[in-house]
């Protein structure tokens, strides 16, 4: 009888909680959105599958000694995965338009209003019983407004690791919904005449300018914001690989094999934080609402100040 009882207790059906079942369904929903709706499939698919794996009872896959736990420790806690993603993004990015017209930098700066307004909003939520965001938590949540998944993951892993799952899902979900969120705001804040403006052709940018650009940005980072050097440094290194013209193999690897492999493990690691005990809380609802608010404010500020 004891053996039968031990066998029963070792089975998933005996240990599956309603919360775990719900989070498995959430993981399935993310996979559905990735496959059927093509919403950020490169990340929502592994995040969704990671969510299912992390909620399997007894297995402990997302625990400190589980597979997903090891991936999280190696790639997210250390900050390595987001940094490698940034290197790949740098290798994929042509900064020619920014070099030709530096004033466009202010468009991005204007959009950051969403971050600061959301920071204040997250702290203001603390007046509602049940919410208790610290300044670090609010800062990690606010960065969702930057519409940059790797940055959101990097900062959340440093400032609010317990909120990482909700922040990552919120950031990538709203990034996927940009075609739905932004057009109504843009239409409301612009005239038909403004929307018909045809952008003029910018001046040609020389190869030398493109090679010097990563060094210029890195020098500014060193002088004024050295704490951002890991992210900016990897972004600029990836871009230098692209523009140097002498390391095509390395540039191709950063743009393809490396970023693809890291994306797989990054998604699974984020999914490991979507366990029922961490995700199903009032804080998660607050993060999802604040994320949507951040995107809307950032879009509006970018349009009005552009």
C-alpha atoms as a PDB file:
ATOM      1  CA  UNK A   1       0.000   0.000   0.000  1.00  0.00           C
ATOM      2  CA  UNK A   2       2.851   2.339   0.864  1.00  0.00           C
ATOM      3  CA  UNK A   3       4.426   1.619  -2.511  1.00  0.00           C
ATOM      4  CA  UNK A   4       1.192   2.489  -4.307  1.00  0.00           C
ATOM      5  CA  UNK A   5       0.905   5.702  -2.307  1.00  0.00           C
ATOM      6  CA  UNK A   6       4.500   6.632  -3.144  1.00  0.00           C
ATOM      7  CA  UNK A   7       3.834   5.893  -6.813  1.00  0.00           C
ATOM      8  CA  UNK A   8       0.733   8.103  -6.762  1.00  0.00           C
ATOM      9  CA  UNK A   9       2.601  10.947  -5.076  1.00  0.00           C
ATOM     10  CA  UNK A  10       5.312  10.790  -7.740  1.00  0.00           C
ATOM     11  CA  UNK A  11       2.793  11.304 -10.542  1.00  0.00           C
ATOM     12  CA  UNK A  12       2.103  14.714 -12.015  1.00  0.00           C
ATOM     13  CA  UNK A  13      -1.671  14.367 -11.790  1.00  0.00           C
ATOM     14  CA  UNK A  14      -1.437  14.078  -8.005  1.00  0.00           C
ATOM     15  CA  UNK A  15       0.648  17.244  -7.681  1.00  0.00           C
ATOM     16  CA  UNK A  16      -0.764  19.464 -10.433  1.00  0.00           C
ATOM     17  CA  UNK A  17      -2.232  22.631  -8.931  1.00  0.00           C
ATOM     18  CA  UNK A  18      -4.855  24.838 -10.622  1.00  0.00           C
ATOM     19  CA  UNK A  19      -2.263  27.608 -10.859  1.00  0.00           C
ATOM     20  CA  UNK A  20       0.195  25.373 -12.697  1.00  0.00           C
ATOM     21  CA  UNK A  21      -2.526  24.236 -15.084  1.00  0.00           C
ATOM     22  CA  UNK A  22      -3.481  27.858 -15.751  1.00  0.00           C
ATOM     23  CA  UNK A  23       0.131  28.819 -16.473  1.00  0.00           C
ATOM     24  CA  UNK A  24       0.456  25.877 -18.868  1.00  0.00           C
ATOM     25  CA  UNK A  25      -2.555  27.284 -20.697  1.00  0.00           C
ATOM     26  CA  UNK A  26      -0.880  30.712 -20.716  1.00  0.00           C
ATOM     27  CA  UNK A  27       2.205  29.077 -22.235  1.00  0.00           C
ATOM     28  CA  UNK A  28      -0.020  27.440 -24.830  1.00  0.00           C
ATOM     29  CA  UNK A  29      -1.597  30.827 -25.595  1.00  0.00           C
ATOM     30  CA  UNK A  30       1.836  32.373 -26.185  1.00  0.00           C
ATOM     31  CA  UNK A  31       2.715  29.520 -28.548  1.00  0.00           C
ATOM     32  CA  UNK A  32      -0.620  30.002 -30.361  1.00  0.00           C
ATOM     33  CA  UNK A  33       0.043  33.734 -30.779  1.00  0.00           C
ATOM     34  CA  UNK A  34       3.534  32.965 -32.085  1.00  0.00           C
ATOM     35  CA  UNK A  35       2.440  30.344 -34.620  1.00  0.00           C
ATOM     36  CA  UNK A  36      -1.023  31.475 -35.674  1.00  0.00           C
ATOM     37  CA  UNK A  37      -0.773  35.260 -35.304  1.00  0.00           C
ATOM     38  CA  UNK A  38       3.009  35.519 -35.840  1.00  0.00           C
ATOM     39  CA  UNK A  39       3.359  37.779 -32.767  1.00  0.00           C
ATOM     40  CA  UNK A  40       7.124  37.920 -32.029  1.00  0.00           C
ATOM     41  CA  UNK A  41       7.412  34.165 -32.790  1.00  0.00           C
ATOM     42  CA  UNK A  42      11.178  34.018 -32.276  1.00  0.00           C
ATOM     43  CA  UNK A  43      10.714  34.719 -28.571  1.00  0.00           C
ATOM     44  CA  UNK A  44       7.088  34.028 -27.684  1.00  0.00           C
ATOM     45  CA  UNK A  45       7.380  30.418 -28.881  1.00  0.00           C
ATOM     46  CA  UNK A  46      10.347  29.449 -26.641  1.00  0.00           C
ATOM     47  CA  UNK A  47       8.945  31.573 -23.785  1.00  0.00           C
ATOM     48  CA  UNK A  48       5.613  29.761 -24.054  1.00  0.00           C
ATOM     49  CA  UNK A  49       7.235  26.337 -24.135  1.00  0.00           C
ATOM     50  CA  UNK A  50       9.488  27.305 -21.231  1.00  0.00           C
ATOM     51  CA  UNK A  51       6.371  28.326 -19.289  1.00  0.00           C
ATOM     52  CA  UNK A  52       4.849  24.882 -19.852  1.00  0.00           C
ATOM     53  CA  UNK A  53       8.062  23.122 -18.796  1.00  0.00           C
ATOM     54  CA  UNK A  54       8.497  25.268 -15.680  1.00  0.00           C
ATOM     55  CA  UNK A  55       5.008  24.380 -14.428  1.00  0.00           C
ATOM     56  CA  UNK A  56       5.345  20.609 -14.717  1.00  0.00           C
ATOM     57  CA  UNK A  57       4.928  19.372 -11.133  1.00  0.00           C
ATOM     58  CA  UNK A  58       7.643  17.316  -9.417  1.00  0.00           C
ATOM     59  CA  UNK A  59      10.064  17.607 -12.377  1.00  0.00           C
ATOM     60  CA  UNK A  60      11.798  20.719 -11.020  1.00  0.00           C
ATOM     61  CA  UNK A  61      12.955  21.746 -14.493  1.00  0.00           C
ATOM     62  CA  UNK A  62      12.978  25.431 -13.562  1.00  0.00           C
ATOM     63  CA  UNK A  63      14.530  24.873 -10.140  1.00  0.00           C
ATOM     64  CA  UNK A  64      18.115  25.749  -9.209  1.00  0.00           C
ATOM     65  CA  UNK A  65      19.286  22.286 -10.297  1.00  0.00           C
ATOM     66  CA  UNK A  66      16.957  21.914 -13.286  1.00  0.00           C
ATOM     67  CA  UNK A  67      17.833  22.456 -16.939  1.00  0.00           C
ATOM     68  CA  UNK A  68      15.991  25.772 -17.246  1.00  0.00           C
ATOM     69  CA  UNK A  69      17.393  26.841 -13.892  1.00  0.00           C
ATOM     70  CA  UNK A  70      20.941  26.311 -15.142  1.00  0.00           C
ATOM     71  CA  UNK A  71      20.186  28.180 -18.380  1.00  0.00           C
ATOM     72  CA  UNK A  72      18.762  31.085 -16.365  1.00  0.00           C
ATOM     73  CA  UNK A  73      21.766  31.216 -14.045  1.00  0.00           C
ATOM     74  CA  UNK A  74      24.296  31.112 -16.885  1.00  0.00           C
ATOM     75  CA  UNK A  75      22.570  33.458 -19.313  1.00  0.00           C
ATOM     76  CA  UNK A  76      20.193  35.774 -17.447  1.00  0.00           C
ATOM     77  CA  UNK A  77      21.628  36.201 -13.954  1.00  0.00           C
ATOM     78  CA  UNK A  78      25.017  36.990 -15.461  1.00  0.00           C
ATOM     79  CA  UNK A  79      23.463  39.231 -18.128  1.00  0.00           C
ATOM     80  CA  UNK A  80      25.289  37.363 -20.906  1.00  0.00           C
ATOM     81  CA  UNK A  81      22.289  36.508 -23.118  1.00  0.00           C
ATOM     82  CA  UNK A  82      20.949  40.084 -23.529  1.00  0.00           C
ATOM     83  CA  UNK A  83      24.476  41.323 -24.226  1.00  0.00           C
ATOM     84  CA  UNK A  84      25.014  38.730 -26.954  1.00  0.00           C
ATOM     85  CA  UNK A  85      21.625  39.655 -28.422  1.00  0.00           C
ATOM     86  CA  UNK A  86      22.773  43.281 -28.519  1.00  0.00           C
ATOM     87  CA  UNK A  87      25.907  42.279 -30.395  1.00  0.00           C
ATOM     88  CA  UNK A  88      23.754  40.531 -32.986  1.00  0.00           C
ATOM     89  CA  UNK A  89      21.418  43.526 -33.219  1.00  0.00           C
ATOM     90  CA  UNK A  90      24.422  45.791 -33.787  1.00  0.00           C
ATOM     91  CA  UNK A  91      25.604  43.542 -36.610  1.00  0.00           C
ATOM     92  CA  UNK A  92      22.125  43.718 -38.170  1.00  0.00           C
ATOM     93  CA  UNK A  93      21.727  47.498 -37.900  1.00  0.00           C
ATOM     94  CA  UNK A  94      22.647  50.115 -40.471  1.00  0.00           C
ATOM     95  CA  UNK A  95      23.089  53.431 -38.650  1.00  0.00           C
ATOM     96  CA  UNK A  96      23.481  55.332 -41.922  1.00  0.00           C
ATOM     97  CA  UNK A  97      20.173  57.191 -41.507  1.00  0.00           C
ATOM     98  CA  UNK A  98      21.142  58.398 -38.023  1.00  0.00           C
ATOM     99  CA  UNK A  99      24.606  59.476 -39.183  1.00  0.00           C
ATOM    100  CA  UNK A 100      23.130  61.358 -42.147  1.00  0.00           C
ATOM    101  CA  UNK A 101      20.552  63.127 -39.974  1.00  0.00           C
ATOM    102  CA  UNK A 102      21.645  63.209 -36.299  1.00  0.00           C
ATOM    103  CA  UNK A 103      18.518  65.193 -35.389  1.00  0.00           C
ATOM    104  CA  UNK A 104      16.527  61.955 -35.617  1.00  0.00           C
ATOM    105  CA  UNK A 105      18.190  61.018 -32.331  1.00  0.00           C
ATOM    106  CA  UNK A 106      15.713  63.325 -30.608  1.00  0.00           C
ATOM    107  CA  UNK A 107      12.813  61.239 -31.915  1.00  0.00           C
ATOM    108  CA  UNK A 108      14.092  58.336 -29.850  1.00  0.00           C
ATOM    109  CA  UNK A 109      14.764  60.610 -26.881  1.00  0.00           C
ATOM    110  CA  UNK A 110      11.199  61.933 -26.990  1.00  0.00           C
ATOM    111  CA  UNK A 111       9.818  58.412 -26.915  1.00  0.00           C
ATOM    112  CA  UNK A 112      11.591  57.825 -23.590  1.00  0.00           C
ATOM    113  CA  UNK A 113       8.951  59.960 -21.885  1.00  0.00           C
ATOM    114  CA  UNK A 114       6.969  56.741 -21.638  1.00  0.00           C
ATOM    115  CA  UNK A 115       9.670  55.294 -19.389  1.00  0.00           C
ATOM    116  CA  UNK A 116       9.684  58.166 -16.901  1.00  0.00           C
ATOM    117  CA  UNK A 117       5.899  58.535 -16.757  1.00  0.00           C
ATOM    118  CA  UNK A 118       5.544  54.783 -16.181  1.00  0.00           C
ATOM    119  CA  UNK A 119       8.162  54.903 -13.414  1.00  0.00           C
ATOM    120  CA  UNK A 120       6.026  57.453 -11.593  1.00  0.00           C
ATOM    121  CA  UNK A 121       2.888  55.434 -12.347  1.00  0.00           C
ATOM    122  CA  UNK A 122       4.379  52.235 -10.911  1.00  0.00           C
ATOM    123  CA  UNK A 123       5.262  53.998  -7.667  1.00  0.00           C
ATOM    124  CA  UNK A 124       1.820  55.635  -7.567  1.00  0.00           C
ATOM    125  CA  UNK A 125       0.181  52.188  -7.723  1.00  0.00           C
ATOM    126  CA  UNK A 126       1.517  51.541  -4.231  1.00  0.00           C
ATOM    127  CA  UNK A 127      -1.362  53.582  -2.808  1.00  0.00           C
ATOM    128  CA  UNK A 128      -3.645  50.710  -3.884  1.00  0.00           C
ATOM    129  CA  UNK A 129      -3.684  47.855  -1.353  1.00  0.00           C
ATOM    130  CA  UNK A 130      -1.893  44.793  -2.702  1.00  0.00           C
ATOM    131  CA  UNK A 131       0.773  46.630  -4.686  1.00  0.00           C
ATOM    132  CA  UNK A 132       4.248  47.132  -3.268  1.00  0.00           C
ATOM    133  CA  UNK A 133       6.668  48.129  -6.018  1.00  0.00           C
ATOM    134  CA  UNK A 134      10.053  49.346  -4.831  1.00  0.00           C
ATOM    135  CA  UNK A 135      12.013  51.948  -6.781  1.00  0.00           C
ATOM    136  CA  UNK A 136      14.050  49.130  -8.359  1.00  0.00           C
ATOM    137  CA  UNK A 137      10.866  47.281  -9.327  1.00  0.00           C
ATOM    138  CA  UNK A 138       9.355  50.446 -10.810  1.00  0.00           C
ATOM    139  CA  UNK A 139      12.534  51.147 -12.791  1.00  0.00           C
ATOM    140  CA  UNK A 140      12.537  47.639 -14.267  1.00  0.00           C
ATOM    141  CA  UNK A 141       8.843  47.915 -15.179  1.00  0.00           C
ATOM    142  CA  UNK A 142       9.258  51.375 -16.714  1.00  0.00           C
ATOM    143  CA  UNK A 143      11.901  50.207 -19.187  1.00  0.00           C
ATOM    144  CA  UNK A 144       9.128  48.322 -21.012  1.00  0.00           C
ATOM    145  CA  UNK A 145       8.368  51.730 -22.524  1.00  0.00           C
ATOM    146  CA  UNK A 146      11.696  51.613 -24.338  1.00  0.00           C
ATOM    147  CA  UNK A 147      10.223  48.917 -26.629  1.00  0.00           C
ATOM    148  CA  UNK A 148      13.476  46.968 -26.414  1.00  0.00           C
ATOM    149  CA  UNK A 149      13.140  43.388 -25.198  1.00  0.00           C
ATOM    150  CA  UNK A 150      16.817  42.603 -24.438  1.00  0.00           C
ATOM    151  CA  UNK A 151      17.197  45.839 -22.453  1.00  0.00           C
ATOM    152  CA  UNK A 152      14.034  45.064 -20.470  1.00  0.00           C
ATOM    153  CA  UNK A 153      15.316  41.566 -19.674  1.00  0.00           C
ATOM    154  CA  UNK A 154      18.802  42.830 -18.783  1.00  0.00           C
ATOM    155  CA  UNK A 155      17.530  45.479 -16.362  1.00  0.00           C
ATOM    156  CA  UNK A 156      14.838  43.245 -14.861  1.00  0.00           C
ATOM    157  CA  UNK A 157      17.412  40.527 -14.153  1.00  0.00           C
ATOM    158  CA  UNK A 158      19.493  43.095 -12.252  1.00  0.00           C
ATOM    159  CA  UNK A 159      16.809  45.196 -10.548  1.00  0.00           C
ATOM    160  CA  UNK A 160      13.770  42.929 -10.133  1.00  0.00           C
ATOM    161  CA  UNK A 161      14.497  39.264 -10.961  1.00  0.00           C
ATOM    162  CA  UNK A 162      11.223  38.114  -9.372  1.00  0.00           C
ATOM    163  CA  UNK A 163       9.300  40.227 -11.896  1.00  0.00           C
ATOM    164  CA  UNK A 164      11.368  39.160 -14.906  1.00  0.00           C
ATOM    165  CA  UNK A 165       8.752  36.832 -16.393  1.00  0.00           C
ATOM    166  CA  UNK A 166       5.929  39.365 -16.291  1.00  0.00           C
ATOM    167  CA  UNK A 167       8.151  42.189 -17.577  1.00  0.00           C
ATOM    168  CA  UNK A 168       9.510  40.120 -20.477  1.00  0.00           C
ATOM    169  CA  UNK A 169       6.090  38.829 -21.528  1.00  0.00           C
ATOM    170  CA  UNK A 170       4.649  42.341 -21.298  1.00  0.00           C
ATOM    171  CA  UNK A 171       7.505  43.884 -23.304  1.00  0.00           C
ATOM    172  CA  UNK A 172       7.435  41.364 -26.139  1.00  0.00           C
ATOM    173  CA  UNK A 173       3.645  41.108 -26.253  1.00  0.00           C
ATOM    174  CA  UNK A 174       3.213  44.854 -26.679  1.00  0.00           C
ATOM    175  CA  UNK A 175       6.081  45.008 -29.177  1.00  0.00           C
ATOM    176  CA  UNK A 176       4.176  42.449 -31.230  1.00  0.00           C
ATOM    177  CA  UNK A 177       1.028  44.580 -30.918  1.00  0.00           C
ATOM    178  CA  UNK A 178       2.720  47.776 -32.156  1.00  0.00           C
ATOM    179  CA  UNK A 179       0.783  47.656 -35.482  1.00  0.00           C
ATOM    180  CA  UNK A 180      -2.415  47.714 -33.414  1.00  0.00           C
ATOM    181  CA  UNK A 181      -1.402  50.097 -30.600  1.00  0.00           C
ATOM    182  CA  UNK A 182       0.419  52.849 -32.499  1.00  0.00           C
ATOM    183  CA  UNK A 183      -1.705  53.715 -35.596  1.00  0.00           C
ATOM    184  CA  UNK A 184      -4.742  55.080 -33.658  1.00  0.00           C
ATOM    185  CA  UNK A 185      -2.470  57.254 -31.486  1.00  0.00           C
ATOM    186  CA  UNK A 186      -0.545  58.554 -34.503  1.00  0.00           C
ATOM    187  CA  UNK A 187      -3.752  59.280 -36.406  1.00  0.00           C
ATOM    188  CA  UNK A 188      -5.233  61.132 -33.440  1.00  0.00           C
ATOM    189  CA  UNK A 189      -2.165  63.357 -32.977  1.00  0.00           C
ATOM    190  CA  UNK A 190      -1.393  64.194 -36.620  1.00  0.00           C
ATOM    191  CA  UNK A 191      -3.238  65.831 -39.487  1.00  0.00           C
ATOM    192  CA  UNK A 192      -3.869  64.170 -42.826  1.00  0.00           C
ATOM    193  CA  UNK A 193      -1.453  66.636 -44.433  1.00  0.00           C
ATOM    194  CA  UNK A 194       1.316  65.672 -42.011  1.00  0.00           C
ATOM    195  CA  UNK A 195       0.775  61.987 -42.703  1.00  0.00           C
ATOM    196  CA  UNK A 196       1.216  62.612 -46.437  1.00  0.00           C
ATOM    197  CA  UNK A 197       4.630  64.248 -46.067  1.00  0.00           C
ATOM    198  CA  UNK A 198       7.221  62.489 -48.230  1.00  0.00           C
ATOM    199  CA  UNK A 199      10.609  62.164 -46.564  1.00  0.00           C
ATOM    200  CA  UNK A 200      13.444  63.603 -48.630  1.00  0.00           C
ATOM    201  CA  UNK A 201      16.443  61.493 -49.575  1.00  0.00           C
ATOM    202  CA  UNK A 202      19.255  61.874 -47.055  1.00  0.00           C
ATOM    203  CA  UNK A 203      22.862  62.463 -48.016  1.00  0.00           C
ATOM    204  CA  UNK A 204      25.106  59.476 -48.757  1.00  0.00           C
ATOM    205  CA  UNK A 205      27.133  58.256 -45.780  1.00  0.00           C
ATOM    206  CA  UNK A 206      30.743  57.242 -46.361  1.00  0.00           C
ATOM    207  CA  UNK A 207      32.252  53.968 -45.181  1.00  0.00           C
ATOM    208  CA  UNK A 208      34.696  55.885 -42.972  1.00  0.00           C
ATOM    209  CA  UNK A 209      31.809  57.596 -41.159  1.00  0.00           C
ATOM    210  CA  UNK A 210      30.146  54.249 -40.520  1.00  0.00           C
ATOM    211  CA  UNK A 211      33.390  52.784 -39.154  1.00  0.00           C
ATOM    212  CA  UNK A 212      34.026  55.766 -36.877  1.00  0.00           C
ATOM    213  CA  UNK A 213      30.438  55.848 -35.586  1.00  0.00           C
ATOM    214  CA  UNK A 214      30.781  52.900 -33.123  1.00  0.00           C
ATOM    215  CA  UNK A 215      33.909  54.463 -31.633  1.00  0.00           C
ATOM    216  CA  UNK A 216      32.204  57.861 -31.294  1.00  0.00           C
ATOM    217  CA  UNK A 217      29.231  56.350 -29.462  1.00  0.00           C
ATOM    218  CA  UNK A 218      31.509  54.276 -27.228  1.00  0.00           C
ATOM    219  CA  UNK A 219      33.581  57.341 -26.280  1.00  0.00           C
ATOM    220  CA  UNK A 220      30.413  59.246 -25.323  1.00  0.00           C
ATOM    221  CA  UNK A 221      29.295  56.252 -23.267  1.00  0.00           C
ATOM    222  CA  UNK A 222      32.661  56.078 -21.476  1.00  0.00           C
ATOM    223  CA  UNK A 223      32.596  59.799 -20.683  1.00  0.00           C
ATOM    224  CA  UNK A 224      28.977  60.238 -19.618  1.00  0.00           C
ATOM    225  CA  UNK A 225      27.316  56.873 -18.894  1.00  0.00           C
ATOM    226  CA  UNK A 226      29.891  54.156 -18.152  1.00  0.00           C
ATOM    227  CA  UNK A 227      27.281  51.981 -16.412  1.00  0.00           C
ATOM    228  CA  UNK A 228      25.670  51.419 -19.833  1.00  0.00           C
ATOM    229  CA  UNK A 229      28.973  50.278 -21.345  1.00  0.00           C
ATOM    230  CA  UNK A 230      28.084  46.545 -21.414  1.00  0.00           C
ATOM    231  CA  UNK A 231      24.980  47.086 -23.568  1.00  0.00           C
ATOM    232  CA  UNK A 232      26.321  49.943 -25.693  1.00  0.00           C
ATOM    233  CA  UNK A 233      29.718  48.290 -26.050  1.00  0.00           C
ATOM    234  CA  UNK A 234      28.305  45.031 -27.415  1.00  0.00           C
ATOM    235  CA  UNK A 235      25.910  46.905 -29.716  1.00  0.00           C
ATOM    236  CA  UNK A 236      28.747  48.973 -31.160  1.00  0.00           C
ATOM    237  CA  UNK A 237      31.080  45.980 -31.437  1.00  0.00           C
ATOM    238  CA  UNK A 238      28.466  44.127 -33.468  1.00  0.00           C
ATOM    239  CA  UNK A 239      28.020  47.174 -35.690  1.00  0.00           C
ATOM    240  CA  UNK A 240      31.783  47.464 -36.194  1.00  0.00           C
ATOM    241  CA  UNK A 241      31.852  43.841 -37.369  1.00  0.00           C
ATOM    242  CA  UNK A 242      29.244  44.803 -39.960  1.00  0.00           C
ATOM    243  CA  UNK A 243      30.859  48.005 -41.185  1.00  0.00           C
ATOM    244  CA  UNK A 244      34.537  46.993 -41.097  1.00  0.00           C
ATOM    245  CA  UNK A 245      34.095  44.959 -44.268  1.00  0.00           C
ATOM    246  CA  UNK A 246      36.965  42.596 -43.457  1.00  0.00           C
ATOM    247  CA  UNK A 247      35.273  40.103 -41.104  1.00  0.00           C
ATOM    248  CA  UNK A 248      32.269  39.004 -43.142  1.00  0.00           C
ATOM    249  CA  UNK A 249      32.235  35.573 -41.485  1.00  0.00           C
ATOM    250  CA  UNK A 250      32.116  37.046 -37.984  1.00  0.00           C
ATOM    251  CA  UNK A 251      29.454  39.559 -38.988  1.00  0.00           C
ATOM    252  CA  UNK A 252      27.362  36.812 -40.587  1.00  0.00           C
ATOM    253  CA  UNK A 253      27.736  34.606 -37.499  1.00  0.00           C
ATOM    254  CA  UNK A 254      26.658  37.434 -35.172  1.00  0.00           C
ATOM    255  CA  UNK A 255      23.656  38.202 -37.396  1.00  0.00           C
ATOM    256  CA  UNK A 256      22.539  34.592 -37.767  1.00  0.00           C
ATOM    257  CA  UNK A 257      23.908  31.582 -35.874  1.00  0.00           C
ATOM    258  CA  UNK A 258      24.873  33.352 -32.648  1.00  0.00           C
ATOM    259  CA  UNK A 259      21.764  35.493 -32.231  1.00  0.00           C
ATOM    260  CA  UNK A 260      19.495  32.569 -33.167  1.00  0.00           C
ATOM    261  CA  UNK A 261      21.058  30.183 -30.636  1.00  0.00           C
ATOM    262  CA  UNK A 262      21.008  32.787 -27.872  1.00  0.00           C
ATOM    263  CA  UNK A 263      17.383  33.668 -28.679  1.00  0.00           C
ATOM    264  CA  UNK A 264      16.349  30.039 -28.109  1.00  0.00           C
ATOM    265  CA  UNK A 265      17.972  29.858 -24.685  1.00  0.00           C
ATOM    266  CA  UNK A 266      16.885  33.385 -23.753  1.00  0.00           C
ATOM    267  CA  UNK A 267      13.254  32.518 -24.434  1.00  0.00           C
ATOM    268  CA  UNK A 268      13.428  29.282 -22.445  1.00  0.00           C
ATOM    269  CA  UNK A 269      15.142  31.067 -19.544  1.00  0.00           C
ATOM    270  CA  UNK A 270      12.463  33.766 -19.445  1.00  0.00           C
ATOM    271  CA  UNK A 271       9.776  31.085 -19.642  1.00  0.00           C
ATOM    272  CA  UNK A 272      11.273  29.455 -16.558  1.00  0.00           C
ATOM    273  CA  UNK A 273      10.139  32.519 -14.587  1.00  0.00           C
ATOM    274  CA  UNK A 274       6.503  32.012 -15.586  1.00  0.00           C
ATOM    275  CA  UNK A 275       5.842  29.516 -12.831  1.00  0.00           C
ATOM    276  CA  UNK A 276       2.470  29.805 -11.117  1.00  0.00           C
ATOM    277  CA  UNK A 277       3.886  30.876  -7.750  1.00  0.00           C
ATOM    278  CA  UNK A 278       5.726  33.840  -9.319  1.00  0.00           C
ATOM    279  CA  UNK A 279       3.433  34.950 -12.143  1.00  0.00           C
ATOM    280  CA  UNK A 280      -0.081  34.667 -10.724  1.00  0.00           C
ATOM    281  CA  UNK A 281      -0.206  37.795  -8.609  1.00  0.00           C
ATOM    282  CA  UNK A 282      -1.709  41.267  -8.520  1.00  0.00           C
ATOM    283  CA  UNK A 283       1.702  42.673  -9.421  1.00  0.00           C
ATOM    284  CA  UNK A 284       1.537  40.904 -12.792  1.00  0.00           C
ATOM    285  CA  UNK A 285      -1.734  42.637 -13.681  1.00  0.00           C
ATOM    286  CA  UNK A 286      -0.170  45.950 -12.699  1.00  0.00           C
ATOM    287  CA  UNK A 287       2.878  45.278 -14.888  1.00  0.00           C
ATOM    288  CA  UNK A 288       0.729  44.388 -17.905  1.00  0.00           C
ATOM    289  CA  UNK A 289      -1.328  47.573 -17.479  1.00  0.00           C
ATOM    290  CA  UNK A 290       1.761  49.741 -16.966  1.00  0.00           C
ATOM    291  CA  UNK A 291       3.427  48.177 -20.014  1.00  0.00           C
ATOM    292  CA  UNK A 292       0.512  49.149 -22.251  1.00  0.00           C
ATOM    293  CA  UNK A 293       0.511  52.642 -20.729  1.00  0.00           C
ATOM    294  CA  UNK A 294       4.264  52.993 -21.347  1.00  0.00           C
ATOM    295  CA  UNK A 295       3.902  52.114 -25.033  1.00  0.00           C
ATOM    296  CA  UNK A 296       1.029  54.565 -25.508  1.00  0.00           C
ATOM    297  CA  UNK A 297       2.806  57.464 -23.765  1.00  0.00           C
ATOM    298  CA  UNK A 298       6.076  56.761 -25.589  1.00  0.00           C
ATOM    299  CA  UNK A 299       4.304  56.723 -28.954  1.00  0.00           C
ATOM    300  CA  UNK A 300       2.416  59.944 -28.215  1.00  0.00           C
ATOM    301  CA  UNK A 301       5.556  61.746 -27.013  1.00  0.00           C
ATOM    302  CA  UNK A 302       7.516  60.628 -30.071  1.00  0.00           C
ATOM    303  CA  UNK A 303       4.805  61.958 -32.403  1.00  0.00           C
ATOM    304  CA  UNK A 304       4.282  65.263 -30.581  1.00  0.00           C
ATOM    305  CA  UNK A 305       7.979  66.071 -30.203  1.00  0.00           C
ATOM    306  CA  UNK A 306       9.024  64.708 -33.581  1.00  0.00           C
END
